[in-house]
C-alpha atoms as a PDB file:
ATOM      1  CA  MET A   1      14.737  13.679  47.472  1.00  0.00           C
ATOM      2  CA  ASP A   2      17.149  11.967  49.496  1.00  0.00           C
ATOM      3  CA  GLU A   3      16.322  12.908  53.560  1.00  0.00           C
ATOM      4  CA  THR A   4      19.733  14.056  54.649  1.00  0.00           C
ATOM      5  CA  VAL A   5      19.541  16.715  51.438  1.00  0.00           C
ATOM      6  CA  ALA A   6      15.557  17.600  52.458  1.00  0.00           C
ATOM      7  CA  GLU A   7      17.082  18.018  56.019  1.00  0.00           C
ATOM      8  CA  TYR A   8      20.637  20.158  55.469  1.00  0.00           C
ATOM      9  CA  ILE A   9      17.984  22.575  53.545  1.00  0.00           C
ATOM     10  CA  ARG A  10      15.319  23.009  56.400  1.00  0.00           C
ATOM     11  CA  ARG A  11      18.378  23.720  58.384  1.00  0.00           C
ATOM     12  CA  THR A  12      20.017  25.882  56.439  1.00  0.00           C
ATOM     13  CA  VAL A  13      16.558  27.978  55.883  1.00  0.00           C
ATOM     14  CA  LEU A  14      16.166  28.262  59.294  1.00  0.00           C
ATOM     15  CA  LYS A  15      19.666  29.634  59.948  1.00  0.00           C
ATOM     16  CA  ILE A  16      18.491  32.679  57.667  1.00  0.00           C
ATOM     17  CA  PRO A  17      16.736  35.795  59.198  1.00  0.00           C
ATOM     18  CA  ARG A  18      12.907  35.900  57.945  1.00  0.00           C
ATOM     19  CA  ASP A  19      13.058  39.016  56.705  1.00  0.00           C
ATOM     20  CA  GLU A  20      15.899  37.679  53.949  1.00  0.00           C
ATOM     21  CA  ILE A  21      14.600  34.259  53.641  1.00  0.00           C
ATOM     22  CA  LYS A  22      12.917  35.382  50.144  1.00  0.00           C
ATOM     23  CA  VAL A  23      16.018  37.311  48.765  1.00  0.00           C
ATOM     24  CA  MET A  24      18.399  34.944  49.183  1.00  0.00           C
ATOM     25  CA  LEU A  25      16.459  31.778  47.798  1.00  0.00           C
ATOM     26  CA  GLN A  26      15.763  34.224  44.946  1.00  0.00           C
ATOM     27  CA  LYS A  27      19.550  34.643  44.893  1.00  0.00           C
ATOM     28  CA  TRP A  28      19.471  30.949  45.303  1.00  0.00           C
ATOM     29  CA  GLY A  29      17.876  30.600  41.897  1.00  0.00           C
ATOM     30  CA  PHE A  30      16.630  26.804  42.405  1.00  0.00           C
ATOM     31  CA  LEU A  31      13.088  27.458  42.882  1.00  0.00           C
ATOM     32  CA  SER A  32      11.061  29.434  40.199  1.00  0.00           C
ATOM     33  CA  GLU A  33       9.274  32.827  40.905  1.00  0.00           C
ATOM     34  CA  GLU A  34       5.860  31.183  40.753  1.00  0.00           C
ATOM     35  CA  GLN A  35       7.013  28.600  43.501  1.00  0.00           C
ATOM     36  CA  LEU A  36       8.420  31.192  45.656  1.00  0.00           C
ATOM     37  CA  GLN A  37       4.874  33.519  45.189  1.00  0.00           C
ATOM     38  CA  THR A  38       3.323  30.043  46.943  1.00  0.00           C
ATOM     39  CA  LEU A  39       5.721  30.697  49.781  1.00  0.00           C
ATOM     40  CA  ASN A  40       3.928  32.565  53.728  1.00  0.00           C
ATOM     41  CA  PHE A  41       6.606  34.596  54.780  1.00  0.00           C
ATOM     42  CA  ARG A  42       5.013  35.955  57.236  1.00  0.00           C
ATOM     43  CA  GLN A  43       4.382  32.689  58.993  1.00  0.00           C
ATOM     44  CA  MET A  44       6.931  30.882  61.829  1.00  0.00           C
ATOM     45  CA  LYS A  45      10.577  29.923  60.737  1.00  0.00           C
ATOM     46  CA  ASP A  46      10.000  26.435  60.772  1.00  0.00           C
ATOM     47  CA  ASN A  47       6.532  26.579  58.249  1.00  0.00           C
ATOM     48  CA  ILE A  48       8.784  28.264  55.810  1.00  0.00           C
ATOM     49  CA  SER A  49      11.742  25.562  55.851  1.00  0.00           C
ATOM     50  CA  GLN A  50       8.896  22.575  55.394  1.00  0.00           C
ATOM     51  CA  GLU A  51       7.404  24.398  52.688  1.00  0.00           C
ATOM     52  CA  VAL A  52      11.177  25.521  50.791  1.00  0.00           C
ATOM     53  CA  VAL A  53      11.335  21.603  51.574  1.00  0.00           C
ATOM     54  CA  GLN A  54       8.001  20.640  49.777  1.00  0.00           C
ATOM     55  CA  LEU A  55       9.157  22.645  46.691  1.00  0.00           C
ATOM     56  CA  CYS A  56      12.540  21.261  46.663  1.00  0.00           C
ATOM     57  CA  GLU A  57      11.240  17.356  46.634  1.00  0.00           C
ATOM     58  CA  GLU A  58       9.214  18.741  43.375  1.00  0.00           C
ATOM     59  CA  ASN A  59      12.556  20.071  41.957  1.00  0.00           C
ATOM     60  CA  SER A  60      14.566  16.857  42.657  1.00  0.00           C
ATOM     61  CA  ALA A  61      16.951  18.709  45.054  1.00  0.00           C
ATOM     62  CA  ASP A  62      20.517  16.664  45.188  1.00  0.00           C
ATOM     63  CA  ILE A  63      23.268  17.473  47.793  1.00  0.00           C
ATOM     64  CA  LYS A  64      24.941  20.350  45.181  1.00  0.00           C
ATOM     65  CA  GLN A  65      21.966  22.255  45.049  1.00  0.00           C
ATOM     66  CA  ALA A  66      21.898  22.347  48.750  1.00  0.00           C
ATOM     67  CA  ALA A  67      26.034  23.271  48.930  1.00  0.00           C
ATOM     68  CA  VAL A  68      24.970  26.371  46.771  1.00  0.00           C
ATOM     69  CA  LEU A  69      22.667  27.513  49.249  1.00  0.00           C
ATOM     70  CA  ASP A  70      24.970  27.074  52.075  1.00  0.00           C
ATOM     71  CA  ILE A  71      27.511  28.903  49.926  1.00  0.00           C
ATOM     72  CA  ILE A  72      24.857  32.089  49.459  1.00  0.00           C
ATOM     73  CA  TYR A  73      24.433  31.951  53.196  1.00  0.00           C
ATOM     74  CA  ASN A  74      28.318  31.480  54.255  1.00  0.00           C
ATOM     75  CA  HIS A  75      29.174  34.414  52.033  1.00  0.00           C
ATOM     76  CA  ILE A  76      26.515  37.158  53.198  1.00  0.00           C
ATOM     77  CA  TYR A  77      27.276  35.822  56.546  1.00  0.00           C
ATOM     78  CA  GLN A  78      31.101  35.602  56.250  1.00  0.00           C
ATOM     79  CA  ASN A  79      32.079  36.799  59.282  1.00  0.00           C
ATOM     80  CA  LYS A  80      30.724  33.965  61.569  1.00  0.00           C
ATOM     81  CA  ARG A  81      33.390  32.181  60.084  1.00  0.00           C
ATOM     82  CA  MET A  82      37.243  32.084  61.187  1.00  0.00           C
ATOM     83  CA  TRP A  83      39.194  32.837  58.096  1.00  0.00           C
ATOM     84  CA  SER A  84      42.974  31.627  57.771  1.00  0.00           C
ATOM     85  CA  VAL A  85      45.321  33.403  55.113  1.00  0.00           C
ATOM     86  CA  TYR A  86      47.468  31.399  53.129  1.00  0.00           C
ATOM     87  CA  HIS A  87      50.040  32.387  50.338  1.00  0.00           C
ATOM     88  CA  MET A  88      51.092  30.306  47.473  1.00  0.00           C
ATOM     89  CA  LYS A  89      54.380  30.496  45.839  1.00  0.00           C
ATOM     90  CA  LYS A  90      55.971  29.686  42.232  1.00  0.00           C
ATOM     91  CA  THR A  91      59.277  29.746  41.038  1.00  0.00           C
ATOM     92  CA  GLY A  92      58.778  31.888  38.283  1.00  0.00           C
ATOM     93  CA  GLU A  93      57.033  35.335  37.957  1.00  0.00           C
ATOM     94  CA  GLU A  94      55.068  34.817  34.740  1.00  0.00           C
ATOM     95  CA  LEU A  95      51.788  34.962  34.685  1.00  0.00           C
ATOM     96  CA  GLU A  96      49.355  32.573  32.830  1.00  0.00           C
ATOM     97  CA  TYR A  97      46.155  32.644  31.664  1.00  0.00           C
ATOM     98  CA  PHE A  98      43.445  31.090  34.338  1.00  0.00           C
ATOM     99  CA  ASP A  99      41.193  28.867  32.951  1.00  0.00           C
ATOM    100  CA  LEU A 100      38.050  28.957  35.706  1.00  0.00           C
ATOM    101  CA  THR A 101      37.438  24.877  34.090  1.00  0.00           C
ATOM    102  CA  GLU A 102      40.597  23.618  34.211  1.00  0.00           C
ATOM    103  CA  PHE A 103      40.930  24.799  37.561  1.00  0.00           C
ATOM    104  CA  LYS A 104      38.003  22.951  38.764  1.00  0.00           C
ATOM    105  CA  LYS A 105      38.959  19.980  36.830  1.00  0.00           C
ATOM    106  CA  LYS A 106      42.102  19.376  38.300  1.00  0.00           C
ATOM    107  CA  PHE A 107      40.802  20.779  41.805  1.00  0.00           C
ATOM    108  CA  LYS A 108      38.459  17.693  42.297  1.00  0.00           C
ATOM    109  CA  ARG A 109      40.638  15.345  40.590  1.00  0.00           C
ATOM    110  CA  SER A 110      43.156  16.201  42.928  1.00  0.00           C
ATOM    111  CA  LEU A 111      40.784  15.872  45.796  1.00  0.00           C
ATOM    112  CA  ARG A 112      39.296  12.969  45.023  1.00  0.00           C
ATOM    113  CA  SER A 113      42.340  10.920  44.146  1.00  0.00           C
ATOM    114  CA  ALA A 114      43.018  11.082  47.988  1.00  0.00           C
ATOM    115  CA  LEU A 115      39.163  10.962  49.334  1.00  0.00           C
ATOM    116  CA  LYS A 116      36.402   9.475  47.610  1.00  0.00           C
ATOM    117  CA  ASN A 117      33.583  10.854  49.761  1.00  0.00           C
ATOM    118  CA  VAL A 118      34.221  14.422  49.573  1.00  0.00           C
ATOM    119  CA  THR A 119      31.373  17.016  48.283  1.00  0.00           C
ATOM    120  CA  ILE A 120      32.727  19.886  46.345  1.00  0.00           C
ATOM    121  CA  THR A 121      30.980  22.921  44.853  1.00  0.00           C
ATOM    122  CA  PHE A 122      31.939  25.686  43.769  1.00  0.00           C
ATOM    123  CA  ARG A 123      30.310  29.680  42.790  1.00  0.00           C
ATOM    124  CA  GLU A 124      31.686  32.944  40.867  1.00  0.00           C
ATOM    125  CA  TYR A 125      31.410  36.372  42.395  1.00  0.00           C
ATOM    126  CA  GLU A 126      31.751  39.209  40.632  1.00  0.00           C
ATOM    127  CA  ASP A 127      34.996  40.102  42.340  1.00  0.00           C
ATOM    128  CA  ASN A 128      36.433  36.918  40.886  1.00  0.00           C
ATOM    129  CA  ALA A 129      36.187  35.173  44.166  1.00  0.00           C
ATOM    130  CA  ILE A 130      36.077  31.794  43.692  1.00  0.00           C
ATOM    131  CA  TRP A 131      34.089  30.232  46.716  1.00  0.00           C
ATOM    132  CA  ILE A 132      34.656  26.075  47.158  1.00  0.00           C
ATOM    133  CA  ARG A 133      32.551  24.716  49.510  1.00  0.00           C
ATOM    134  CA  VAL A 134      34.418  21.272  50.760  1.00  0.00           C
ATOM    135  CA  ALA A 135      32.512  18.481  52.610  1.00  0.00           C
ATOM    136  CA  TRP A 136      34.345  15.978  53.763  1.00  0.00           C
ATOM    137  CA  GLY A 137      33.843  12.195  54.852  1.00  0.00           C
ATOM    138  CA  THR A 138      35.901   9.011  55.216  1.00  0.00           C
ATOM    139  CA  PRO A 139      36.606   5.851  53.102  1.00  0.00           C
ATOM    140  CA  TYR A 140      33.407   4.232  55.012  1.00  0.00           C
ATOM    141  CA  ARG A 141      31.349   7.104  56.180  1.00  0.00           C
ATOM    142  CA  LYS A 142      29.286   9.981  53.568  1.00  0.00           C
ATOM    143  CA  PRO A 143      30.534  13.589  53.968  1.00  0.00           C
ATOM    144  CA  ASN A 144      29.492  15.222  56.531  1.00  0.00           C
ATOM    145  CA  GLN A 145      27.463  18.669  55.074  1.00  0.00           C
ATOM    146  CA  TYR A 146      27.313  20.528  58.389  1.00  0.00           C
ATOM    147  CA  LYS A 147      30.978  21.071  59.278  1.00  0.00           C
ATOM    148  CA  PRO A 148      32.665  21.697  55.552  1.00  0.00           C
ATOM    149  CA  SER A 149      35.599  23.587  54.520  1.00  0.00           C
ATOM    150  CA  TYR A 150      35.329  27.243  52.873  1.00  0.00           C
ATOM    151  CA  VAL A 151      37.718  28.158  50.667  1.00  0.00           C
ATOM    152  CA  VAL A 152      37.914  31.648  48.944  1.00  0.00           C
ATOM    153  CA  TYR A 153      40.288  32.145  46.122  1.00  0.00           C
ATOM    154  CA  HIS A 154      41.074  35.243  43.375  1.00  0.00           C
ATOM    155  CA  SER A 155      41.860  34.263  40.272  1.00  0.00           C
ATOM    156  CA  GLN A 156      45.857  35.830  39.501  1.00  0.00           C
ATOM    157  CA  THR A 157      46.603  36.662  43.030  1.00  0.00           C
ATOM    158  CA  PRO A 158      48.613  34.182  45.066  1.00  0.00           C
ATOM    159  CA  TYR A 159      46.614  34.767  47.885  1.00  0.00           C
ATOM    160  CA  VAL A 160      43.638  32.063  49.562  1.00  0.00           C
ATOM    161  CA  PHE A 161      41.601  32.203  52.475  1.00  0.00           C
ATOM    162  CA  ILE A 162      40.419  29.179  54.125  1.00  0.00           C
ATOM    163  CA  SER A 163      38.065  28.602  56.617  1.00  0.00           C
ATOM    164  CA  ALA A 164      38.872  25.060  57.861  1.00  0.00           C
ATOM    165  CA  SER A 165      36.488  22.230  58.848  1.00  0.00           C
ATOM    166  CA  VAL A 166      36.901  20.572  62.625  1.00  0.00           C
ATOM    167  CA  LEU A 167      38.549  17.770  60.941  1.00  0.00           C
ATOM    168  CA  LYS A 168      42.486  19.733  60.468  1.00  0.00           C
ATOM    169  CA  SER A 169      43.675  16.362  58.760  1.00  0.00           C
ATOM    170  CA  ASN A 170      42.652  17.340  55.882  1.00  0.00           C
ATOM    171  CA  LEU A 171      43.536  20.673  55.600  1.00  0.00           C
ATOM    172  CA  PRO A 172      47.055  19.180  54.002  1.00  0.00           C
ATOM    173  CA  LEU A 173      44.157  17.553  51.114  1.00  0.00           C
ATOM    174  CA  LEU A 174      43.105  20.569  50.213  1.00  0.00           C
ATOM    175  CA  CYS A 175      46.563  22.913  50.002  1.00  0.00           C
ATOM    176  CA  GLN A 176      47.526  20.139  47.822  1.00  0.00           C
ATOM    177  CA  ALA A 177      44.437  20.177  45.851  1.00  0.00           C
ATOM    178  CA  LEU A 178      44.847  24.650  45.107  1.00  0.00           C
ATOM    179  CA  ILE A 179      48.491  24.524  44.317  1.00  0.00           C
ATOM    180  CA  VAL A 180      47.832  21.676  41.818  1.00  0.00           C
ATOM    181  CA  ALA A 181      44.675  23.590  40.156  1.00  0.00           C
ATOM    182  CA  SER A 182      46.078  26.922  40.283  1.00  0.00           C
ATOM    183  CA  ASN A 183      49.500  25.678  39.345  1.00  0.00           C
ATOM    184  CA  TYR A 184      51.648  26.992  42.081  1.00  0.00           C
ATOM    185  CA  GLN A 185      54.432  24.986  43.667  1.00  0.00           C
ATOM    186  CA  ASP A 186      54.173  25.617  47.567  1.00  0.00           C
ATOM    187  CA  ILE A 187      51.516  27.015  50.087  1.00  0.00           C
ATOM    188  CA  CYS A 188      52.250  28.220  53.560  1.00  0.00           C
ATOM    189  CA  GLU A 189      49.749  29.672  56.147  1.00  0.00           C
ATOM    190  CA  MET A 190      50.405  33.666  56.859  1.00  0.00           C
ATOM    191  CA  GLU A 191      49.949  34.765  60.401  1.00  0.00           C
ATOM    192  CA  LEU A 192      47.130  36.518  60.057  1.00  0.00           C
ATOM    193  CA  ARG A 193      43.852  35.260  60.751  1.00  0.00           C
ATOM    194  CA  GLY A 194      40.394  36.630  61.549  1.00  0.00           C
ATOM    195  CA  HIS A 195      36.200  36.737  61.196  1.00  0.00           C
ATOM    196  CA  SER A 196      36.087  39.654  58.724  1.00  0.00           C
ATOM    197  CA  LEU A 197      36.993  38.551  55.067  1.00  0.00           C
ATOM    198  CA  ASN A 198      36.883  41.903  53.798  1.00  0.00           C
ATOM    199  CA  SER A 199      39.644  42.971  56.097  1.00  0.00           C
ATOM    200  CA  LEU A 200      42.129  40.254  55.383  1.00  0.00           C
ATOM    201  CA  LYS A 201      41.579  41.102  51.796  1.00  0.00           C
ATOM    202  CA  ASP A 202      42.615  44.823  52.077  1.00  0.00           C
ATOM    203  CA  ILE A 203      45.818  44.172  53.753  1.00  0.00           C
ATOM    204  CA  VAL A 204      46.841  41.708  51.748  1.00  0.00           C
ATOM    205  CA  PHE A 205      46.026  43.368  48.865  1.00  0.00           C
ATOM    206  CA  LYS A 206      47.057  46.857  50.349  1.00  0.00           C
ATOM    207  CA  ARG A 207      43.077  48.046  49.559  1.00  0.00           C
ATOM    208  CA  TYR A 208      43.126  50.239  52.767  1.00  0.00           C
ATOM    209  CA  SER A 209      44.898  53.910  53.077  1.00  0.00           C
ATOM    210  CA  GLN A 210      48.159  53.879  55.325  1.00  0.00           C
ATOM    211  CA  ASN A 211      51.029  56.316  54.630  1.00  0.00           C
ATOM    212  CA  PHE A 212      54.866  55.487  55.535  1.00  0.00           C
ATOM    213  CA  GLN A 213      55.640  57.622  58.788  1.00  0.00           C
ATOM    214  CA  SER A 214      57.969  60.068  57.771  1.00  0.00           C
ATOM    215  CA  TYR A 215      57.862  62.389  61.626  1.00  0.00           C
ATOM    216  CA  CYS A 216      61.561  63.623  62.222  1.00  0.00           C
ATOM    217  CA  PRO A 217      61.570  65.069  65.859  1.00  0.00           C
ATOM    218  CA  LYS A 218      62.743  68.609  65.621  1.00  0.00           C
ATOM    219  CA  PRO A 219      64.453  70.587  68.414  1.00  0.00           C
ATOM    220  CA  LEU A 220      63.169  72.365  70.615  1.00  0.00           C
ATOM    221  CA  GLN A 221      63.277  76.569  69.878  1.00  0.00           C
ATOM    222  CA  GLU A 222      63.038  79.076  72.609  1.00  0.00           C
ATOM    223  CA  ARG A 223      60.051  81.487  72.277  1.00  0.00           C
ATOM    224  CA  ASN A 224      59.999  84.831  73.033  1.00  0.00           C
ATOM    225  CA  THR A 225      57.987  85.136  76.618  1.00  0.00           C
ATOM    226  CA  GLU A 226      56.180  88.853  75.350  1.00  0.00           C
ATOM    227  CA  PRO A 227      53.371  89.861  77.788  1.00  0.00           C
ATOM    228  CA  GLU A 228      50.198  88.356  76.256  1.00  0.00           C
ATOM    229  CA  SER A 229      46.743  87.164  77.667  1.00  0.00           C
ATOM    230  CA  VAL A 230      47.308  83.679  79.059  1.00  0.00           C
ATOM    231  CA  ASP A 231      44.270  82.354  77.764  1.00  0.00           C
ATOM    232  CA  LEU A 232      44.850  83.259  74.366  1.00  0.00           C
ATOM    233  CA  ARG A 233      48.283  81.709  74.684  1.00  0.00           C
ATOM    234  CA  ILE A 234      47.154  78.312  75.748  1.00  0.00           C
ATOM    235  CA  THR A 235      44.130  78.759  73.241  1.00  0.00           C
ATOM    236  CA  GLU A 236      47.119  79.203  70.341  1.00  0.00           C
ATOM    237  CA  GLU A 237      49.045  76.364  71.854  1.00  0.00           C
ATOM    238  CA  ASN A 238      45.901  73.579  72.033  1.00  0.00           C
ATOM    239  CA  ARG A 239      45.363  74.255  68.470  1.00  0.00           C
ATOM    240  CA  ILE A 240      49.105  74.336  67.141  1.00  0.00           C
ATOM    241  CA  GLU A 241      48.745  70.998  69.183  1.00  0.00           C
ATOM    242  CA  LYS A 242      46.027  69.420  67.795  1.00  0.00           C
ATOM    243  CA  GLU A 243      46.845  69.987  64.300  1.00  0.00           C
ATOM    244  CA  ARG A 244      50.234  68.575  64.731  1.00  0.00           C
ATOM    245  CA  ILE A 245      48.988  65.000  66.274  1.00  0.00           C
ATOM    246  CA  GLN A 246      46.600  65.268  63.445  1.00  0.00           C
ATOM    247  CA  ARG A 247      49.110  65.824  60.621  1.00  0.00           C
ATOM    248  CA  LEU A 248      51.130  62.995  62.276  1.00  0.00           C
ATOM    249  CA  ASN A 249      48.324  60.516  62.372  1.00  0.00           C
ATOM    250  CA  ARG A 250      47.362  61.101  58.953  1.00  0.00           C
ATOM    251  CA  GLU A 251      51.302  60.180  58.196  1.00  0.00           C
ATOM    252  CA  ALA A 252      50.563  57.194  60.113  1.00  0.00           C
ATOM    253  CA  PHE A 253      47.159  55.609  59.521  1.00  0.00           C
ATOM    254  CA  GLY A 254      46.366  57.640  56.148  1.00  0.00           C
ATOM    255  CA  ASP A 255      43.032  59.056  55.784  1.00  0.00           C
ATOM    256  CA  GLY A 256      40.917  56.237  55.380  1.00  0.00           C
ATOM    257  CA  PRO A 257      39.409  53.703  57.444  1.00  0.00           C
ATOM    258  CA  GLN A 258      41.275  51.179  59.250  1.00  0.00           C
ATOM    259  CA  PRO A 259      41.172  47.021  58.632  1.00  0.00           C
ATOM    260  CA  ILE A 260      39.267  45.277  61.435  1.00  0.00           C
ATOM    261  CA  LEU A 261      41.653  43.739  63.629  1.00  0.00           C
ATOM    262  CA  GLU A 262      41.412  42.195  67.090  1.00  0.00           C
ATOM    263  CA  PHE A 263      44.387  41.193  68.395  1.00  0.00           C
ATOM    264  CA  ALA A 264      48.214  41.001  67.491  1.00  0.00           C
ATOM    265  CA  GLN A 265      50.801  39.462  69.878  1.00  0.00           C
ATOM    266  CA  TYR A 266      54.896  40.723  69.883  1.00  0.00           C
ATOM    267  CA  ARG A 267      57.561  38.716  70.847  1.00  0.00           C
ATOM    268  CA  LEU A 268      60.407  40.467  72.743  1.00  0.00           C
ATOM    269  CA  GLU A 269      63.718  39.115  72.735  1.00  0.00           C
ATOM    270  CA  THR A 270      66.703  41.460  74.245  1.00  0.00           C
ATOM    271  CA  MET A 271      69.744  40.911  75.905  1.00  0.00           C
ATOM    272  CA  PHE A 272      69.869  42.648  79.850  1.00  0.00           C
ATOM    273  CA  LYS A 273      72.951  45.302  80.027  1.00  0.00           C
ATOM    274  CA  SER A 274      74.727  45.408  83.189  1.00  0.00           C
ATOM    275  CA  ASP A 275      77.840  46.776  84.832  1.00  0.00           C
ATOM    276  CA  PRO A 276      81.002  44.131  83.894  1.00  0.00           C
ATOM    277  CA  LYS A 277      82.308  44.283  87.591  1.00  0.00           C
ATOM    278  CA  THR A 278      78.839  43.930  89.377  1.00  0.00           C
ATOM    279  CA  ASP A 279      78.652  40.815  86.687  1.00  0.00           C
ATOM    280  CA  VAL A 280      75.111  40.498  87.826  1.00  0.00           C
ATOM    281  CA  LEU A 281      74.036  37.787  85.326  1.00  0.00           C
ATOM    282  CA  ASP A 282      75.906  34.612  85.054  1.00  0.00           C
ATOM    283  CA  LYS A 283      74.405  33.454  82.380  1.00  0.00           C
ATOM    284  CA  LYS A 284      73.972  35.587  78.732  1.00  0.00           C
ATOM    285  CA  GLU A 285      70.630  34.121  78.221  1.00  0.00           C
ATOM    286  CA  PRO A 286      68.471  36.826  76.162  1.00  0.00           C
ATOM    287  CA  PHE A 287      65.469  38.237  77.727  1.00  0.00           C
ATOM    288  CA  ARG A 288      62.110  36.853  76.549  1.00  0.00           C
ATOM    289  CA  CYS A 289      58.110  37.858  76.550  1.00  0.00           C
ATOM    290  CA  LEU A 290      55.197  38.342  74.792  1.00  0.00           C
ATOM    291  CA  VAL A 291      53.242  41.517  75.059  1.00  0.00           C
ATOM    292  CA  LYS A 292      49.737  41.139  73.915  1.00  0.00           C
ATOM    293  CA  PHE A 293      47.097  43.573  72.683  1.00  0.00           C
ATOM    294  CA  SER A 294      43.228  43.164  72.039  1.00  0.00           C
ATOM    295  CA  SER A 295      40.743  45.123  71.106  1.00  0.00           C
ATOM    296  CA  PRO A 296      37.221  45.265  68.812  1.00  0.00           C
ATOM    297  CA  HIS A 297      39.054  47.414  66.412  1.00  0.00           C
ATOM    298  CA  LEU A 298      42.898  47.359  67.063  1.00  0.00           C
ATOM    299  CA  LEU A 299      43.734  49.748  64.664  1.00  0.00           C
ATOM    300  CA  GLU A 300      40.973  52.233  64.992  1.00  0.00           C
ATOM    301  CA  SER A 301      41.868  52.406  68.819  1.00  0.00           C
ATOM    302  CA  LEU A 302      45.833  52.786  68.332  1.00  0.00           C
ATOM    303  CA  LYS A 303      44.709  55.394  66.103  1.00  0.00           C
ATOM    304  CA  SER A 304      42.450  57.386  68.192  1.00  0.00           C
ATOM    305  CA  LEU A 305      45.122  57.289  71.093  1.00  0.00           C
ATOM    306  CA  ALA A 306      46.922  60.392  70.439  1.00  0.00           C
ATOM    307  CA  PRO A 307      43.918  62.714  69.827  1.00  0.00           C
ATOM    308  CA  ALA A 308      41.984  61.415  72.816  1.00  0.00           C
ATOM    309  CA  GLY A 309      45.516  62.082  74.648  1.00  0.00           C
ATOM    310  CA  MET A 310      46.358  59.065  76.027  1.00  0.00           C
ATOM    311  CA  ALA A 311      49.694  58.631  74.123  1.00  0.00           C
ATOM    312  CA  ASP A 312      52.103  61.096  72.481  1.00  0.00           C
ATOM    313  CA  ALA A 313      52.143  61.809  68.915  1.00  0.00           C
ATOM    314  CA  PRO A 314      53.554  60.334  66.852  1.00  0.00           C
ATOM    315  CA  LEU A 315      52.821  56.784  68.244  1.00  0.00           C
ATOM    316  CA  SER A 316      55.627  54.157  67.682  1.00  0.00           C
ATOM    317  CA  PRO A 317      56.662  52.799  64.499  1.00  0.00           C
ATOM    318  CA  LEU A 318      56.111  49.561  66.512  1.00  0.00           C
ATOM    319  CA  LEU A 319      52.615  49.782  66.858  1.00  0.00           C
ATOM    320  CA  THR A 320      51.658  51.702  63.358  1.00  0.00           C
ATOM    321  CA  CYS A 321      53.654  48.501  61.027  1.00  0.00           C
ATOM    322  CA  ILE A 322      51.206  46.509  62.267  1.00  0.00           C
ATOM    323  CA  THR A 323      49.664  45.875  58.717  1.00  0.00           C
ATOM    324  CA  GLN A 324      53.064  45.786  57.217  1.00  0.00           C
ATOM    325  CA  LYS A 325      54.322  43.178  59.566  1.00  0.00           C
ATOM    326  CA  ALA A 326      50.981  41.098  59.128  1.00  0.00           C
ATOM    327  CA  ARG A 327      51.563  40.841  54.867  1.00  0.00           C
ATOM    328  CA  ASN A 328      55.135  39.140  56.179  1.00  0.00           C
ATOM    329  CA  TYR A 329      53.897  35.540  56.224  1.00  0.00           C
ATOM    330  CA  PHE A 330      56.932  34.298  58.232  1.00  0.00           C
ATOM    331  CA  ARG A 331      56.624  34.103  62.163  1.00  0.00           C
ATOM    332  CA  ILE A 332      58.577  37.511  62.612  1.00  0.00           C
ATOM    333  CA  ARG A 333      61.868  37.301  65.244  1.00  0.00           C
ATOM    334  CA  GLU A 334      64.665  39.911  65.669  1.00  0.00           C
ATOM    335  CA  LYS A 335      66.974  40.149  68.226  1.00  0.00           C
ATOM    336  CA  LYS A 336      66.838  43.455  70.534  1.00  0.00           C
ATOM    337  CA  GLY A 337      63.683  44.719  69.404  1.00  0.00           C
ATOM    338  CA  LEU A 338      59.418  44.230  69.529  1.00  0.00           C
ATOM    339  CA  PHE A 339      58.219  42.897  66.620  1.00  0.00           C
ATOM    340  CA  PRO A 340      54.398  41.819  65.564  1.00  0.00           C
ATOM    341  CA  GLU A 341      54.532  37.999  65.793  1.00  0.00           C
ATOM    342  CA  SER A 342      51.293  37.008  64.856  1.00  0.00           C
ATOM    343  CA  PHE A 343      48.210  38.996  63.749  1.00  0.00           C
ATOM    344  CA  VAL A 344      44.028  38.146  64.904  1.00  0.00           C
ATOM    345  CA  SER A 345      41.146  39.793  63.463  1.00  0.00           C
ATOM    346  CA  PRO A 346      37.195  39.371  64.835  1.00  0.00           C
END
C-alpha cells in the first residue's frame, strides 16, 4: 500500500469520534468482521489508526477505498462543510430514464478529458442521493486528497448540492461534467448556501410545512363597555390575542419545524418622494442599501417574534416569504420594495 494512502486513512480515522470508529469501519465494509474484532477500540485513537492502517495494508487498500471511507465520514458529518445549491436546466420537459452506470461513465469521461490527474469516487444512498467525491490534481501533480470537492445529486431532479474545494478554478470543470452526465443543457448557482445540507434539501424540494399568508386586516369594531370585572376582561382579551397570534403564525409558517437558515440579506432600492416646490433632490437617483438578518436559526427566530411580544402579528410577508424567494435562484432586485437577495444557512 502506498505511503500516501496509509497516511490518508490514518488521518481519516483520527477525525472520527472514538465511540463511532467501529460503526463507521463496519459501514465502510473494507475490513472483515474478523479483522475488526482484533482491534482494541479502548486504546488511544492514534494507536487505533495505526492498527487500522496495518489491516488495510493486509488487504492492499488503494486511494479509491480510502476515498470511500472519507465519503462515509462526510455523509455523517455533512454539516462540517459549506454547501451551495445549483439548478440545472434543459430545453424540454420530458423525463428520461436515469442510468446510474451511464451517469458515472459520462461524468468520469467528461472530467478526465479536461484533467487527467483527478480521483473520482461514487457512493449511492437510500434516498436516491449520489455522493461524488473529486480530488483535484494538476497536469504535473497528483490529486490532493485533503481538499476534495463533494457533490450530492438526487437523480430525476434538477438540483445539485456542491461543497467545493479551495481550488475554485476547477468548479467550471465540475459543473460541465454534471450537465453532460445528467443530460442537461445549463447549470447555474442559486442564491442559497449553508452548512445544513438537509435544510437546503427541504427548501428546494419543498419538504417543510409553510402555508401562504392569508391574513386580511379587519376594521375595528366598537365594543360595549358594560361594567364587568377588569381582571376577567384583561384575561379574556389576552386569551383572544394569544389565539390570534398563534393562528396567524400557523398561516405564515405552518405547523412543522422550519429549515435551518442563519443569514438573509435584502436589497432596498427605492426613490425618495419630496415636494416638487422644494426640490430637495437635485438628481433622481434611487436610494440603495442592504439590510441583513442573522441568527443561529433565523426562521424559528422570526416565528417566535410575535408570540414573544417583540413584533406585531402578522409579520410582514417580506420576512415570511424567505424560503419561497430562496428557491428563485436568480438574484432578486425590484424597485420600490424590499426583497431577499441572498440566503445563507449555517
